[in-house]
């Protein structure tokens, strides 16, 4: 970190409005885009998780139906031990 950056951060920590305004002017756009990118990525992860849960639930329902013989001959046939 450079000396001017250290002074800027120290001023922000002390609550100096001028330093905070300077920080926002210099780094506000970076903070916004980084946050936006991460939230967008989180939304994609959540969408994938939901899709996986739907697939798992569908597979479990199909498996249960097959074991019960619902909808014709069970897909699993006879279970062997």
Protein backbone atom coordinates (compact mmCIF):
# COMPACT_ATOMS: atom_id res chain seq x y z
CA UNK A 1 0.00 0.00 0.00
CA UNK A 2 1.34 3.40 -0.91
CA UNK A 3 1.67 6.24 1.58
CA UNK A 4 -1.21 8.25 0.04
CA UNK A 5 -3.44 5.15 0.30
CA UNK A 6 -2.47 4.70 3.95
CA UNK A 7 -3.33 8.34 4.66
CA UNK A 8 -6.64 7.93 2.83
CA UNK A 9 -7.59 4.80 4.77
CA UNK A 10 -6.49 6.30 8.08
CA UNK A 11 -8.68 9.33 7.39
CA UNK A 12 -11.64 7.08 6.56
CA UNK A 13 -11.15 5.13 9.79
CA UNK A 14 -11.07 8.40 11.76
CA UNK A 15 -14.34 9.41 10.12
CA UNK A 16 -13.01 12.32 8.06
CA UNK A 17 -15.71 13.14 5.52
CA UNK A 18 -13.28 14.56 2.95
CA UNK A 19 -11.21 11.33 3.01
CA UNK A 20 -14.35 9.21 2.76
CA UNK A 21 -15.56 11.25 -0.23
CA UNK A 22 -12.15 10.80 -1.85
CA UNK A 23 -12.27 7.05 -1.19
CA UNK A 24 -15.74 6.78 -2.74
CA UNK A 25 -14.62 8.79 -5.76
CA UNK A 26 -11.52 6.62 -6.29
CA UNK A 27 -12.86 3.18 -5.41
CA UNK A 28 -16.66 3.39 -5.48
CA UNK A 29 -16.98 2.01 -8.98
CA UNK A 30 -14.61 -0.88 -8.19
CA UNK A 31 -16.57 -1.75 -5.05
CA UNK A 32 -19.86 -1.58 -6.96
CA UNK A 33 -18.72 -3.81 -9.83
CA UNK A 34 -17.05 -6.33 -7.53
CA UNK A 35 -20.19 -6.58 -5.42
CA UNK A 36 -22.39 -6.85 -8.51
CA UNK A 37 -20.19 -9.57 -10.00
CA UNK A 38 -20.20 -11.58 -6.76
CA UNK A 39 -23.96 -11.27 -6.32
CA UNK A 40 -24.49 -12.32 -9.93
CA UNK A 41 -22.24 -15.32 -9.35
CA UNK A 42 -24.13 -16.16 -6.15
CA UNK A 43 -27.42 -16.01 -8.07
CA UNK A 44 -26.03 -18.47 -10.63
CA UNK A 45 -24.84 -20.81 -7.89
CA UNK A 46 -28.24 -20.66 -6.21
CA UNK A 47 -30.00 -21.36 -9.52
CA UNK A 48 -27.77 -24.41 -10.07
CA UNK A 49 -28.41 -25.62 -6.55
CA UNK A 50 -32.16 -25.31 -7.06
CA UNK A 51 -31.95 -27.20 -10.36
CA UNK A 52 -29.96 -29.98 -8.69
CA UNK A 53 -32.53 -30.26 -5.91
CA UNK A 54 -35.34 -30.52 -8.47
CA UNK A 55 -33.46 -33.28 -10.29
CA UNK A 56 -32.73 -35.14 -7.07
CA UNK A 57 -36.36 -34.88 -5.98
CA UNK A 58 -37.50 -36.09 -9.40
CA UNK A 59 -35.10 -39.03 -9.28
CA UNK A 60 -36.24 -39.94 -5.76
CA UNK A 61 -39.89 -39.83 -6.82
CA UNK A 62 -39.18 -42.00 -9.87
CA UNK A 63 -37.22 -44.44 -7.74
CA UNK A 64 -40.04 -44.71 -5.20
CA UNK A 65 -42.61 -45.23 -7.95
CA UNK A 66 -40.44 -47.91 -9.51
CA UNK A 67 -40.07 -49.71 -6.18
CA UNK A 68 -43.82 -49.57 -5.63
CA UNK A 69 -44.57 -50.66 -9.18
CA UNK A 70 -46.61 -47.52 -9.84
CA UNK A 71 -47.27 -46.87 -13.52
CA UNK A 72 -46.71 -50.42 -14.69
CA UNK A 73 -43.85 -52.77 -14.04
CA UNK A 74 -41.31 -51.32 -11.65
CA UNK A 75 -38.14 -50.09 -13.29
CA UNK A 76 -36.00 -51.77 -10.69
CA UNK A 77 -37.56 -55.18 -11.03
CA UNK A 78 -37.12 -57.52 -8.09
CA UNK A 79 -34.66 -56.49 -5.47
CA UNK A 80 -32.08 -59.17 -4.79
CA UNK A 81 -30.34 -59.58 -1.51
